């Protein structure tokens, strides 16, 4: 019996790293991406992260994520290395916005050449 428990504990120890968080930019990612990327963060907490960001502006530190109801010290520490403030995953609608900016810049540059 003890041998089975030891084997089970060992098996669980090897599977825990597989549940590690995936790096994600909490300042640009949408709620679905945050929920998928961070360990212990489901759709409701991810939506709360986005709502906080919309209300207060971008997060300046990973510690600020801990201000969100339901995100305690243990969840924050488990995800600290994966909480990015710059770079990383971007929300789905970032690409069209960049395209519009590039098109405006190109148009402006062609107007000054004339």
PDB file of N, CA and C in Angstrom:
ATOM      1  N   UNK A   1       0.821  -1.189   0.000  1.00  0.00           N
ATOM      2  CA  UNK A   1       0.000   0.000   0.000  1.00  0.00           C
ATOM      3  C   UNK A   1       0.867   1.256   0.000  1.00  0.00           C
ATOM      4  N   UNK A   2       1.894   1.269   0.834  1.00  0.00           N
ATOM      5  CA  UNK A   2       2.792   2.407   0.920  1.00  0.00           C
ATOM      6  C   UNK A   2       3.538   2.613  -0.400  1.00  0.00           C
ATOM      7  N   UNK A   3       3.881   1.498  -1.027  1.00  0.00           N
ATOM      8  CA  UNK A   3       4.579   1.566  -2.305  1.00  0.00           C
ATOM      9  C   UNK A   3       3.689   2.216  -3.374  1.00  0.00           C
ATOM     10  N   UNK A   4       2.398   1.874  -3.360  1.00  0.00           N
ATOM     11  CA  UNK A   4       1.454   2.445  -4.324  1.00  0.00           C
ATOM     12  C   UNK A   4       1.299   3.943  -4.102  1.00  0.00           C
ATOM     13  N   UNK A   5       1.235   4.368  -2.844  1.00  0.00           N
ATOM     14  CA  UNK A   5       1.124   5.798  -2.540  1.00  0.00           C
ATOM     15  C   UNK A   5       2.369   6.554  -2.982  1.00  0.00           C
ATOM     16  N   UNK A   6       3.532   5.950  -2.758  1.00  0.00           N
ATOM     17  CA  UNK A   6       4.780   6.577  -3.177  1.00  0.00           C
ATOM     18  C   UNK A   6       4.837   6.698  -4.699  1.00  0.00           C
ATOM     19  N   UNK A   7       4.402   5.667  -5.392  1.00  0.00           N
ATOM     20  CA  UNK A   7       4.388   5.701  -6.852  1.00  0.00           C
ATOM     21  C   UNK A   7       3.420   6.759  -7.361  1.00  0.00           C
ATOM     22  N   UNK A   8       2.258   6.879  -6.721  1.00  0.00           N
ATOM     23  CA  UNK A   8       1.274   7.884  -7.099  1.00  0.00           C
ATOM     24  C   UNK A   8       1.813   9.292  -6.860  1.00  0.00           C
ATOM     25  N   UNK A   9       2.452   9.497  -5.722  1.00  0.00           N
ATOM     26  CA  UNK A   9       3.040  10.801  -5.409  1.00  0.00           C
ATOM     27  C   UNK A   9       4.119  11.162  -6.421  1.00  0.00           C
ATOM     28  N   UNK A  10       4.926  10.202  -6.796  1.00  0.00           N
ATOM     29  CA  UNK A  10       5.976  10.433  -7.777  1.00  0.00           C
ATOM     30  C   UNK A  10       5.383  10.769  -9.141  1.00  0.00           C
ATOM     31  N   UNK A  11       4.350  10.049  -9.520  1.00  0.00           N
ATOM     32  CA  UNK A  11       3.686  10.319 -10.802  1.00  0.00           C
ATOM     33  C   UNK A  11       3.087  11.729 -10.814  1.00  0.00           C
ATOM     34  N   UNK A  12       2.475  12.131  -9.728  1.00  0.00           N
ATOM     35  CA  UNK A  12       1.900  13.473  -9.637  1.00  0.00           C
ATOM     36  C   UNK A  12       2.983  14.544  -9.687  1.00  0.00           C
ATOM     37  N   UNK A  13       4.104  14.276  -9.071  1.00  0.00           N
ATOM     38  CA  UNK A  13       5.211  15.238  -9.078  1.00  0.00           C
ATOM     39  C   UNK A  13       5.702  15.492 -10.491  1.00  0.00           C
ATOM     40  N   UNK A  14       5.672  14.478 -11.336  1.00  0.00           N
ATOM     41  CA  UNK A  14       6.119  14.651 -12.711  1.00  0.00           C
ATOM     42  C   UNK A  14       5.071  15.323 -13.591  1.00  0.00           C
ATOM     43  N   UNK A  15       3.801  15.252 -13.222  1.00  0.00           N
ATOM     44  CA  UNK A  15       2.762  15.876 -14.029  1.00  0.00           C
ATOM     45  C   UNK A  15       2.541  17.340 -13.667  1.00  0.00           C
ATOM     46  N   UNK A  16       2.924  17.768 -12.483  1.00  0.00           N
ATOM     47  CA  UNK A  16       2.718  19.159 -12.084  1.00  0.00           C
ATOM     48  C   UNK A  16       3.395  20.161 -13.023  1.00  0.00           C
ATOM     49  N   UNK A  17       4.628  19.929 -13.468  1.00  0.00           N
ATOM     50  CA  UNK A  17       5.221  20.886 -14.391  1.00  0.00           C
ATOM     51  C   UNK A  17       4.428  21.026 -15.696  1.00  0.00           C
ATOM     52  N   UNK A  18       3.669  20.008 -16.079  1.00  0.00           N
ATOM     53  CA  UNK A  18       2.874  20.092 -17.293  1.00  0.00           C
ATOM     54  C   UNK A  18       1.722  21.080 -17.142  1.00  0.00           C
ATOM     55  N   UNK A  19       1.346  21.407 -15.916  1.00  0.00           N
ATOM     56  CA  UNK A  19       0.261  22.328 -15.664  1.00  0.00           C
ATOM     57  C   UNK A  19       0.774  23.750 -15.456  1.00  0.00           C
ATOM     58  N   UNK A  20       2.032  23.986 -15.725  1.00  0.00           N
ATOM     59  CA  UNK A  20       2.623  25.304 -15.505  1.00  0.00           C
ATOM     60  C   UNK A  20       1.969  26.335 -16.414  1.00  0.00           C
ATOM     61  N   UNK A  21       1.994  27.554 -15.963  1.00  0.00           N
ATOM     62  CA  UNK A  21       1.395  28.649 -16.713  1.00  0.00           C
ATOM     63  C   UNK A  21       2.205  28.945 -17.975  1.00  0.00           C
ATOM     64  N   UNK A  22       1.515  29.463 -18.971  1.00  0.00           N
ATOM     65  CA  UNK A  22       2.128  29.884 -20.218  1.00  0.00           C
ATOM     66  C   UNK A  22       2.280  31.399 -20.177  1.00  0.00           C
ATOM     67  N   UNK A  23       3.426  31.943 -20.536  1.00  0.00           N
ATOM     68  CA  UNK A  23       3.591  33.400 -20.496  1.00  0.00           C
ATOM     69  C   UNK A  23       2.517  34.120 -21.307  1.00  0.00           C
ATOM     70  N   UNK A  24       1.965  35.180 -20.717  1.00  0.00           N
ATOM     71  CA  UNK A  24       0.912  35.954 -21.364  1.00  0.00           C
ATOM     72  C   UNK A  24       1.011  37.408 -20.918  1.00  0.00           C
ATOM     73  N   UNK A  25       0.811  38.315 -21.835  1.00  0.00           N
ATOM     74  CA  UNK A  25       0.823  39.742 -21.521  1.00  0.00           C
ATOM     75  C   UNK A  25      -0.552  40.134 -21.001  1.00  0.00           C
ATOM     76  N   UNK A  26      -0.648  40.389 -19.711  1.00  0.00           N
ATOM     77  CA  UNK A  26      -1.939  40.727 -19.104  1.00  0.00           C
ATOM     78  C   UNK A  26      -2.400  42.127 -19.483  1.00  0.00           C
ATOM     79  N   UNK A  27      -1.540  42.898 -20.132  1.00  0.00           N
ATOM     80  CA  UNK A  27      -1.919  44.246 -20.563  1.00  0.00           C
ATOM     81  C   UNK A  27      -2.523  44.284 -21.962  1.00  0.00           C
ATOM     82  N   UNK A  28      -2.405  43.195 -22.705  1.00  0.00           N
ATOM     83  CA  UNK A  28      -2.955  43.187 -24.063  1.00  0.00           C
ATOM     84  C   UNK A  28      -3.837  41.981 -24.375  1.00  0.00           C
ATOM     85  N   UNK A  29      -3.663  40.899 -23.640  1.00  0.00           N
ATOM     86  CA  UNK A  29      -4.393  39.662 -23.951  1.00  0.00           C
ATOM     87  C   UNK A  29      -5.872  39.785 -23.600  1.00  0.00           C
ATOM     88  N   UNK A  30      -6.698  39.064 -24.343  1.00  0.00           N
ATOM     89  CA  UNK A  30      -8.123  39.027 -24.013  1.00  0.00           C
ATOM     90  C   UNK A  30      -8.349  38.004 -22.900  1.00  0.00           C
ATOM     91  N   UNK A  31      -9.548  38.010 -22.346  1.00  0.00           N
ATOM     92  CA  UNK A  31      -9.864  37.157 -21.198  1.00  0.00           C
ATOM     93  C   UNK A  31      -9.674  35.674 -21.518  1.00  0.00           C
ATOM     94  N   UNK A  32     -10.061  35.247 -22.709  1.00  0.00           N
ATOM     95  CA  UNK A  32      -9.930  33.828 -23.064  1.00  0.00           C
ATOM     96  C   UNK A  32      -8.470  33.396 -23.071  1.00  0.00           C
ATOM     97  N   UNK A  33      -7.595  34.248 -23.583  1.00  0.00           N
ATOM     98  CA  UNK A  33      -6.170  33.929 -23.628  1.00  0.00           C
ATOM     99  C   UNK A  33      -5.584  33.885 -22.226  1.00  0.00           C
ATOM    100  N   UNK A  34      -5.976  34.832 -21.385  1.00  0.00           N
ATOM    101  CA  UNK A  34      -5.483  34.849 -20.005  1.00  0.00           C
ATOM    102  C   UNK A  34      -5.934  33.595 -19.269  1.00  0.00           C
ATOM    103  N   UNK A  35      -7.202  33.228 -19.417  1.00  0.00           N
ATOM    104  CA  UNK A  35      -7.741  32.039 -18.740  1.00  0.00           C
ATOM    105  C   UNK A  35      -7.029  30.775 -19.198  1.00  0.00           C
ATOM    106  N   UNK A  36      -6.721  30.708 -20.473  1.00  0.00           N
ATOM    107  CA  UNK A  36      -6.053  29.528 -21.028  1.00  0.00           C
ATOM    108  C   UNK A  36      -4.590  29.468 -20.595  1.00  0.00           C
ATOM    109  N   UNK A  37      -3.977  30.619 -20.368  1.00  0.00           N
ATOM    110  CA  UNK A  37      -2.544  30.676 -20.113  1.00  0.00           C
ATOM    111  C   UNK A  37      -2.140  30.569 -18.655  1.00  0.00           C
ATOM    112  N   UNK A  38      -2.934  31.132 -17.751  1.00  0.00           N
ATOM    113  CA  UNK A  38      -2.524  31.189 -16.350  1.00  0.00           C
ATOM    114  C   UNK A  38      -3.173  30.084 -15.527  1.00  0.00           C
ATOM    115  N   UNK A  39      -2.394  29.478 -14.672  1.00  0.00           N
ATOM    116  CA  UNK A  39      -2.834  28.385 -13.823  1.00  0.00           C
ATOM    117  C   UNK A  39      -3.721  28.916 -12.694  1.00  0.00           C
ATOM    118  N   UNK A  40      -4.897  28.341 -12.530  1.00  0.00           N
ATOM    119  CA  UNK A  40      -5.806  28.752 -11.471  1.00  0.00           C
ATOM    120  C   UNK A  40      -6.659  29.953 -11.829  1.00  0.00           C
ATOM    121  N   UNK A  41      -6.543  30.423 -13.058  1.00  0.00           N
ATOM    122  CA  UNK A  41      -7.334  31.562 -13.536  1.00  0.00           C
ATOM    123  C   UNK A  41      -8.319  31.034 -14.564  1.00  0.00           C
ATOM    124  N   UNK A  42      -9.597  31.091 -14.209  1.00  0.00           N
ATOM    125  CA  UNK A  42     -10.640  30.659 -15.127  1.00  0.00           C
ATOM    126  C   UNK A  42     -11.245  31.858 -15.835  1.00  0.00           C
ATOM    127  N   UNK A  43     -12.319  31.641 -16.579  1.00  0.00           N
ATOM    128  CA  UNK A  43     -12.945  32.722 -17.351  1.00  0.00           C
ATOM    129  C   UNK A  43     -13.390  33.914 -16.497  1.00  0.00           C
ATOM    130  N   UNK A  44     -13.931  33.676 -15.311  1.00  0.00           N
ATOM    131  CA  UNK A  44     -14.418  34.789 -14.474  1.00  0.00           C
ATOM    132  C   UNK A  44     -13.263  35.654 -13.963  1.00  0.00           C
ATOM    133  N   UNK A  45     -12.196  35.023 -13.476  1.00  0.00           N
ATOM    134  CA  UNK A  45     -11.049  35.793 -12.988  1.00  0.00           C
ATOM    135  C   UNK A  45     -10.333  36.493 -14.143  1.00  0.00           C
ATOM    136  N   UNK A  46     -10.262  35.833 -15.291  1.00  0.00           N
ATOM    137  CA  UNK A  46      -9.640  36.448 -16.458  1.00  0.00           C
ATOM    138  C   UNK A  46     -10.439  37.676 -16.902  1.00  0.00           C
ATOM    139  N   UNK A  47     -11.760  37.570 -16.879  1.00  0.00           N
ATOM    140  CA  UNK A  47     -12.607  38.725 -17.225  1.00  0.00           C
ATOM    141  C   UNK A  47     -12.397  39.848 -16.213  1.00  0.00           C
ATOM    142  N   UNK A  48     -12.193  39.500 -14.947  1.00  0.00           N
ATOM    143  CA  UNK A  48     -11.932  40.509 -13.918  1.00  0.00           C
ATOM    144  C   UNK A  48     -10.589  41.196 -14.154  1.00  0.00           C
ATOM    145  N   UNK A  49      -9.605  40.455 -14.644  1.00  0.00           N
ATOM    146  CA  UNK A  49      -8.303  41.049 -14.979  1.00  0.00           C
ATOM    147  C   UNK A  49      -8.478  42.079 -16.087  1.00  0.00           C
ATOM    148  N   UNK A  50      -9.215  41.714 -17.118  1.00  0.00           N
ATOM    149  CA  UNK A  50      -9.448  42.633 -18.239  1.00  0.00           C
ATOM    150  C   UNK A  50     -10.250  43.848 -17.778  1.00  0.00           C
ATOM    151  N   UNK A  51     -11.263  43.640 -16.946  1.00  0.00           N
ATOM    152  CA  UNK A  51     -12.083  44.745 -16.441  1.00  0.00           C
ATOM    153  C   UNK A  51     -11.240  45.700 -15.599  1.00  0.00           C
ATOM    154  N   UNK A  52     -10.375  45.161 -14.748  1.00  0.00           N
ATOM    155  CA  UNK A  52      -9.503  46.003 -13.930  1.00  0.00           C
ATOM    156  C   UNK A  52      -8.592  46.834 -14.829  1.00  0.00           C
ATOM    157  N   UNK A  53      -8.031  46.181 -15.838  1.00  0.00           N
ATOM    158  CA  UNK A  53      -7.135  46.863 -16.778  1.00  0.00           C
ATOM    159  C   UNK A  53      -7.860  47.971 -17.524  1.00  0.00           C
ATOM    160  N   UNK A  54      -9.109  47.703 -17.932  1.00  0.00           N
ATOM    161  CA  UNK A  54      -9.898  48.713 -18.640  1.00  0.00           C
ATOM    162  C   UNK A  54     -10.200  49.911 -17.746  1.00  0.00           C
ATOM    163  N   UNK A  55     -10.406  49.644 -16.463  1.00  0.00           N
ATOM    164  CA  UNK A  55     -10.753  50.714 -15.522  1.00  0.00           C
ATOM    165  C   UNK A  55      -9.532  51.499 -15.029  1.00  0.00           C
ATOM    166  N   UNK A  56      -8.407  50.798 -14.782  1.00  0.00           N
ATOM    167  CA  UNK A  56      -7.242  51.421 -14.151  1.00  0.00           C
ATOM    168  C   UNK A  56      -6.062  51.647 -15.088  1.00  0.00           C
ATOM    169  N   UNK A  57      -6.135  51.152 -16.294  1.00  0.00           N
ATOM    170  CA  UNK A  57      -4.993  51.238 -17.201  1.00  0.00           C
ATOM    171  C   UNK A  57      -4.121  50.006 -17.077  1.00  0.00           C
ATOM    172  N   UNK A  58      -3.025  49.979 -17.813  1.00  0.00           N
ATOM    173  CA  UNK A  58      -2.170  48.788 -17.828  1.00  0.00           C
ATOM    174  C   UNK A  58      -1.573  48.479 -16.457  1.00  0.00           C
ATOM    175  N   UNK A  59      -1.356  47.197 -16.222  1.00  0.00           N
ATOM    176  CA  UNK A  59      -0.695  46.762 -14.998  1.00  0.00           C
ATOM    177  C   UNK A  59       0.756  47.224 -15.043  1.00  0.00           C
ATOM    178  N   UNK A  60       1.241  47.740 -13.934  1.00  0.00           N
ATOM    179  CA  UNK A  60       2.631  48.191 -13.853  1.00  0.00           C
ATOM    180  C   UNK A  60       3.526  47.128 -13.243  1.00  0.00           C
ATOM    181  N   UNK A  61       2.922  46.178 -12.529  1.00  0.00           N
ATOM    182  CA  UNK A  61       3.690  45.081 -11.932  1.00  0.00           C
ATOM    183  C   UNK A  61       2.784  43.861 -11.806  1.00  0.00           C
ATOM    184  N   UNK A  62       3.404  42.702 -11.689  1.00  0.00           N
ATOM    185  CA  UNK A  62       2.637  41.466 -11.506  1.00  0.00           C
ATOM    186  C   UNK A  62       1.869  41.514 -10.190  1.00  0.00           C
ATOM    187  N   UNK A  63       2.410  42.211  -9.198  1.00  0.00           N
ATOM    188  CA  UNK A  63       1.736  42.313  -7.904  1.00  0.00           C
ATOM    189  C   UNK A  63       0.356  42.964  -8.027  1.00  0.00           C
ATOM    190  N   UNK A  64       0.167  43.864  -8.966  1.00  0.00           N
ATOM    191  CA  UNK A  64      -1.132  44.513  -9.146  1.00  0.00           C
ATOM    192  C   UNK A  64      -2.220  43.509  -9.521  1.00  0.00           C
ATOM    193  N   UNK A  65      -1.851  42.437 -10.184  1.00  0.00           N
ATOM    194  CA  UNK A  65      -2.827  41.403 -10.540  1.00  0.00           C
ATOM    195  C   UNK A  65      -3.430  40.812  -9.270  1.00  0.00           C
ATOM    196  N   UNK A  66      -2.672  40.807  -8.186  1.00  0.00           N
ATOM    197  CA  UNK A  66      -3.146  40.296  -6.908  1.00  0.00           C
ATOM    198  C   UNK A  66      -4.239  41.154  -6.271  1.00  0.00           C
ATOM    199  N   UNK A  67      -4.489  42.344  -6.809  1.00  0.00           N
ATOM    200  CA  UNK A  67      -5.561  43.201  -6.297  1.00  0.00           C
ATOM    201  C   UNK A  67      -6.938  42.725  -6.749  1.00  0.00           C
ATOM    202  N   UNK A  68      -6.975  41.830  -7.707  1.00  0.00           N
ATOM    203  CA  UNK A  68      -8.239  41.342  -8.238  1.00  0.00           C
ATOM    204  C   UNK A  68      -8.824  40.304  -7.290  1.00  0.00           C
ATOM    205  N   UNK A  69     -10.107  40.468  -7.002  1.00  0.00           N
ATOM    206  CA  UNK A  69     -10.793  39.555  -6.082  1.00  0.00           C
ATOM    207  C   UNK A  69     -10.661  38.118  -6.584  1.00  0.00           C
ATOM    208  N   UNK A  70     -10.266  37.238  -5.688  1.00  0.00           N
ATOM    209  CA  UNK A  70     -10.129  35.824  -6.027  1.00  0.00           C
ATOM    210  C   UNK A  70      -8.730  35.420  -6.445  1.00  0.00           C
ATOM    211  N   UNK A  71      -7.842  36.399  -6.616  1.00  0.00           N
ATOM    212  CA  UNK A  71      -6.464  36.085  -6.972  1.00  0.00           C
ATOM    213  C   UNK A  71      -5.607  36.366  -5.746  1.00  0.00           C
ATOM    214  N   UNK A  72      -5.343  35.308  -5.013  1.00  0.00           N
ATOM    215  CA  UNK A  72      -4.566  35.428  -3.784  1.00  0.00           C
ATOM    216  C   UNK A  72      -3.087  35.247  -4.039  1.00  0.00           C
ATOM    217  N   UNK A  73      -2.346  35.273  -2.954  1.00  0.00           N
ATOM    218  CA  UNK A  73      -0.893  35.178  -3.022  1.00  0.00           C
ATOM    219  C   UNK A  73      -0.427  33.877  -3.686  1.00  0.00           C
ATOM    220  N   UNK A  74      -1.111  32.764  -3.401  1.00  0.00           N
ATOM    221  CA  UNK A  74      -0.649  31.490  -3.965  1.00  0.00           C
ATOM    222  C   UNK A  74      -0.840  31.444  -5.480  1.00  0.00           C
ATOM    223  N   UNK A  75      -1.971  31.945  -5.971  1.00  0.00           N
ATOM    224  CA  UNK A  75      -2.194  31.975  -7.427  1.00  0.00           C
ATOM    225  C   UNK A  75      -1.207  32.935  -8.078  1.00  0.00           C
ATOM    226  N   UNK A  76      -0.991  34.070  -7.444  1.00  0.00           N
ATOM    227  CA  UNK A  76      -0.059  35.058  -7.988  1.00  0.00           C
ATOM    228  C   UNK A  76       1.353  34.484  -8.066  1.00  0.00           C
ATOM    229  N   UNK A  77       1.808  33.839  -7.012  1.00  0.00           N
ATOM    230  CA  UNK A  77       3.157  33.270  -7.011  1.00  0.00           C
ATOM    231  C   UNK A  77       3.307  32.147  -8.025  1.00  0.00           C
ATOM    232  N   UNK A  78       2.254  31.347  -8.177  1.00  0.00           N
ATOM    233  CA  UNK A  78       2.278  30.238  -9.128  1.00  0.00           C
ATOM    234  C   UNK A  78       2.413  30.744 -10.560  1.00  0.00           C
ATOM    235  N   UNK A  79       1.915  31.959 -10.827  1.00  0.00           N
ATOM    236  CA  UNK A  79       1.898  32.506 -12.174  1.00  0.00           C
ATOM    237  C   UNK A  79       2.875  33.655 -12.399  1.00  0.00           C
ATOM    238  N   UNK A  80       3.576  34.066 -11.365  1.00  0.00           N
ATOM    239  CA  UNK A  80       4.413  35.276 -11.454  1.00  0.00           C
ATOM    240  C   UNK A  80       5.328  35.291 -12.675  1.00  0.00           C
ATOM    241  N   UNK A  81       6.000  34.201 -12.955  1.00  0.00           N
ATOM    242  CA  UNK A  81       6.932  34.157 -14.085  1.00  0.00           C
ATOM    243  C   UNK A  81       6.217  34.237 -15.431  1.00  0.00           C
ATOM    244  N   UNK A  82       4.945  33.889 -15.455  1.00  0.00           N
ATOM    245  CA  UNK A  82       4.194  33.884 -16.713  1.00  0.00           C
ATOM    246  C   UNK A  82       3.419  35.181 -16.951  1.00  0.00           C
ATOM    247  N   UNK A  83       3.355  36.042 -15.954  1.00  0.00           N
ATOM    248  CA  UNK A  83       2.628  37.308 -16.104  1.00  0.00           C
ATOM    249  C   UNK A  83       3.571  38.318 -16.741  1.00  0.00           C
ATOM    250  N   UNK A  84       3.317  38.601 -18.007  1.00  0.00           N
ATOM    251  CA  UNK A  84       4.130  39.558 -18.738  1.00  0.00           C
ATOM    252  C   UNK A  84       3.417  40.905 -18.777  1.00  0.00           C
ATOM    253  N   UNK A  85       4.187  41.973 -18.767  1.00  0.00           N
ATOM    254  CA  UNK A  85       3.623  43.318 -18.834  1.00  0.00           C
ATOM    255  C   UNK A  85       3.897  43.961 -20.187  1.00  0.00           C
ATOM    256  N   UNK A  86       4.852  43.419 -20.924  1.00  0.00           N
ATOM    257  CA  UNK A  86       5.145  43.860 -22.286  1.00  0.00           C
ATOM    258  C   UNK A  86       5.426  42.625 -23.122  1.00  0.00           C
ATOM    259  N   UNK A  87       5.199  42.707 -24.428  1.00  0.00           N
ATOM    260  CA  UNK A  87       5.429  41.564 -25.309  1.00  0.00           C
ATOM    261  C   UNK A  87       4.450  40.445 -25.029  1.00  0.00           C
ATOM    262  N   UNK A  88       4.740  39.239 -25.478  1.00  0.00           N
ATOM    263  CA  UNK A  88       3.895  38.081 -25.200  1.00  0.00           C
ATOM    264  C   UNK A  88       2.642  38.045 -26.055  1.00  0.00           C
ATOM    265  N   UNK A  89       1.661  37.315 -25.575  1.00  0.00           N
ATOM    266  CA  UNK A  89       0.416  37.116 -26.307  1.00  0.00           C
ATOM    267  C   UNK A  89      -0.353  38.421 -26.459  1.00  0.00           C
ATOM    268  N   UNK A  90      -0.860  38.673 -27.642  1.00  0.00           N
ATOM    269  CA  UNK A  90      -1.671  39.856 -27.891  1.00  0.00           C
ATOM    270  C   UNK A  90      -3.104  39.435 -28.160  1.00  0.00           C
ATOM    271  N   UNK A  91      -4.026  40.355 -27.930  1.00  0.00           N
ATOM    272  CA  UNK A  91      -5.420  40.020 -28.179  1.00  0.00           C
ATOM    273  C   UNK A  91      -5.681  39.920 -29.669  1.00  0.00           C
ATOM    274  N   UNK A  92      -6.723  39.236 -30.041  1.00  0.00           N
ATOM    275  CA  UNK A  92      -7.015  38.919 -31.436  1.00  0.00           C
ATOM    276  C   UNK A  92      -7.183  40.158 -32.305  1.00  0.00           C
ATOM    277  N   UNK A  93      -7.722  41.243 -31.782  1.00  0.00           N
ATOM    278  CA  UNK A  93      -7.980  42.404 -32.635  1.00  0.00           C
ATOM    279  C   UNK A  93      -6.790  43.350 -32.749  1.00  0.00           C
ATOM    280  N   UNK A  94      -5.603  42.979 -32.252  1.00  0.00           N
ATOM    281  CA  UNK A  94      -4.423  43.823 -32.403  1.00  0.00           C
ATOM    282  C   UNK A  94      -3.946  43.901 -33.854  1.00  0.00           C
ATOM    283  N   UNK A  95      -4.025  42.820 -34.588  1.00  0.00           N
ATOM    284  CA  UNK A  95      -3.501  42.794 -35.953  1.00  0.00           C
ATOM    285  C   UNK A  95      -4.196  43.807 -36.862  1.00  0.00           C
ATOM    286  N   UNK A  96      -5.527  43.893 -36.902  1.00  0.00           N
ATOM    287  CA  UNK A  96      -6.145  44.887 -37.755  1.00  0.00           C
ATOM    288  C   UNK A  96      -5.768  46.312 -37.359  1.00  0.00           C
ATOM    289  N   UNK A  97      -5.612  46.580 -36.080  1.00  0.00           N
ATOM    290  CA  UNK A  97      -5.256  47.924 -35.632  1.00  0.00           C
ATOM    291  C   UNK A  97      -3.871  48.293 -36.161  1.00  0.00           C
ATOM    292  N   UNK A  98      -2.944  47.354 -36.116  1.00  0.00           N
ATOM    293  CA  UNK A  98      -1.609  47.620 -36.631  1.00  0.00           C
ATOM    294  C   UNK A  98      -1.668  47.859 -38.132  1.00  0.00           C
ATOM    295  N   UNK A  99      -2.502  47.110 -38.818  1.00  0.00           N
ATOM    296  CA  UNK A  99      -2.650  47.285 -40.253  1.00  0.00           C
ATOM    297  C   UNK A  99      -3.183  48.664 -40.602  1.00  0.00           C
ATOM    298  N   UNK A 100      -4.138  49.164 -39.825  1.00  0.00           N
ATOM    299  CA  UNK A 100      -4.695  50.495 -40.060  1.00  0.00           C
ATOM    300  C   UNK A 100      -3.639  51.560 -39.832  1.00  0.00           C
ATOM    301  N   UNK A 101      -2.837  51.413 -38.780  1.00  0.00           N
ATOM    302  CA  UNK A 101      -1.780  52.378 -38.507  1.00  0.00           C
ATOM    303  C   UNK A 101      -0.760  52.385 -39.637  1.00  0.00           C
ATOM    304  N   UNK A 102      -0.407  51.216 -40.120  1.00  0.00           N
ATOM    305  CA  UNK A 102       0.562  51.119 -41.201  1.00  0.00           C
ATOM    306  C   UNK A 102      -0.003  51.762 -42.466  1.00  0.00           C
ATOM    307  N   UNK A 103      -1.295  51.532 -42.737  1.00  0.00           N
ATOM    308  CA  UNK A 103      -1.923  52.113 -43.920  1.00  0.00           C
ATOM    309  C   UNK A 103      -1.959  53.629 -43.815  1.00  0.00           C
ATOM    310  N   UNK A 104      -2.269  54.165 -42.626  1.00  0.00           N
ATOM    311  CA  UNK A 104      -2.276  55.618 -42.426  1.00  0.00           C
ATOM    312  C   UNK A 104      -0.890  56.196 -42.640  1.00  0.00           C
ATOM    313  N   UNK A 105       0.127  55.549 -42.099  1.00  0.00           N
ATOM    314  CA  UNK A 105       1.498  56.032 -42.248  1.00  0.00           C
ATOM    315  C   UNK A 105       1.916  56.018 -43.711  1.00  0.00           C
ATOM    316  N   UNK A 106       1.534  54.977 -44.431  1.00  0.00           N
ATOM    317  CA  UNK A 106       1.884  54.868 -45.843  1.00  0.00           C
ATOM    318  C   UNK A 106       1.184  55.965 -46.637  1.00  0.00           C
ATOM    319  N   UNK A 107      -0.099  56.200 -46.329  1.00  0.00           N
ATOM    320  CA  UNK A 107      -0.859  57.230 -47.023  1.00  0.00           C
ATOM    321  C   UNK A 107      -0.251  58.603 -46.755  1.00  0.00           C
ATOM    322  N   UNK A 108       0.100  58.885 -45.494  1.00  0.00           N
ATOM    323  CA  UNK A 108       0.680  60.165 -45.120  1.00  0.00           C
ATOM    324  C   UNK A 108       2.010  60.362 -45.833  1.00  0.00           C
ATOM    325  N   UNK A 109       2.809  59.325 -45.912  1.00  0.00           N
ATOM    326  CA  UNK A 109       4.109  59.427 -46.568  1.00  0.00           C
ATOM    327  C   UNK A 109       3.935  59.675 -48.065  1.00  0.00           C
ATOM    328  N   UNK A 110       2.940  59.077 -48.721  1.00  0.00           N
ATOM    329  CA  UNK A 110       2.729  59.296 -50.139  1.00  0.00           C
ATOM    330  C   UNK A 110       2.163  60.693 -50.399  1.00  0.00           C
ATOM    331  N   UNK A 111       1.407  61.246 -49.447  1.00  0.00           N
ATOM    332  CA  UNK A 111       0.871  62.595 -49.610  1.00  0.00           C
ATOM    333  C   UNK A 111       1.988  63.642 -49.523  1.00  0.00           C
ATOM    334  N   UNK A 112       2.985  63.407 -48.700  1.00  0.00           N
ATOM    335  CA  UNK A 112       4.081  64.378 -48.560  1.00  0.00           C
ATOM    336  C   UNK A 112       5.023  64.307 -49.751  1.00  0.00           C
ATOM    337  N   UNK A 113       5.040  63.191 -50.457  1.00  0.00           N
ATOM    338  CA  UNK A 113       5.908  63.048 -51.619  1.00  0.00           C
ATOM    339  C   UNK A 113       5.369  63.825 -52.818  1.00  0.00           C
ATOM    340  N   UNK A 114       4.060  64.067 -52.877  1.00  0.00           N
ATOM    341  CA  UNK A 114       3.455  64.722 -54.027  1.00  0.00           C
ATOM    342  C   UNK A 114       3.769  66.161 -54.122  1.00  0.00           C
TER     343      UNK A 114
END
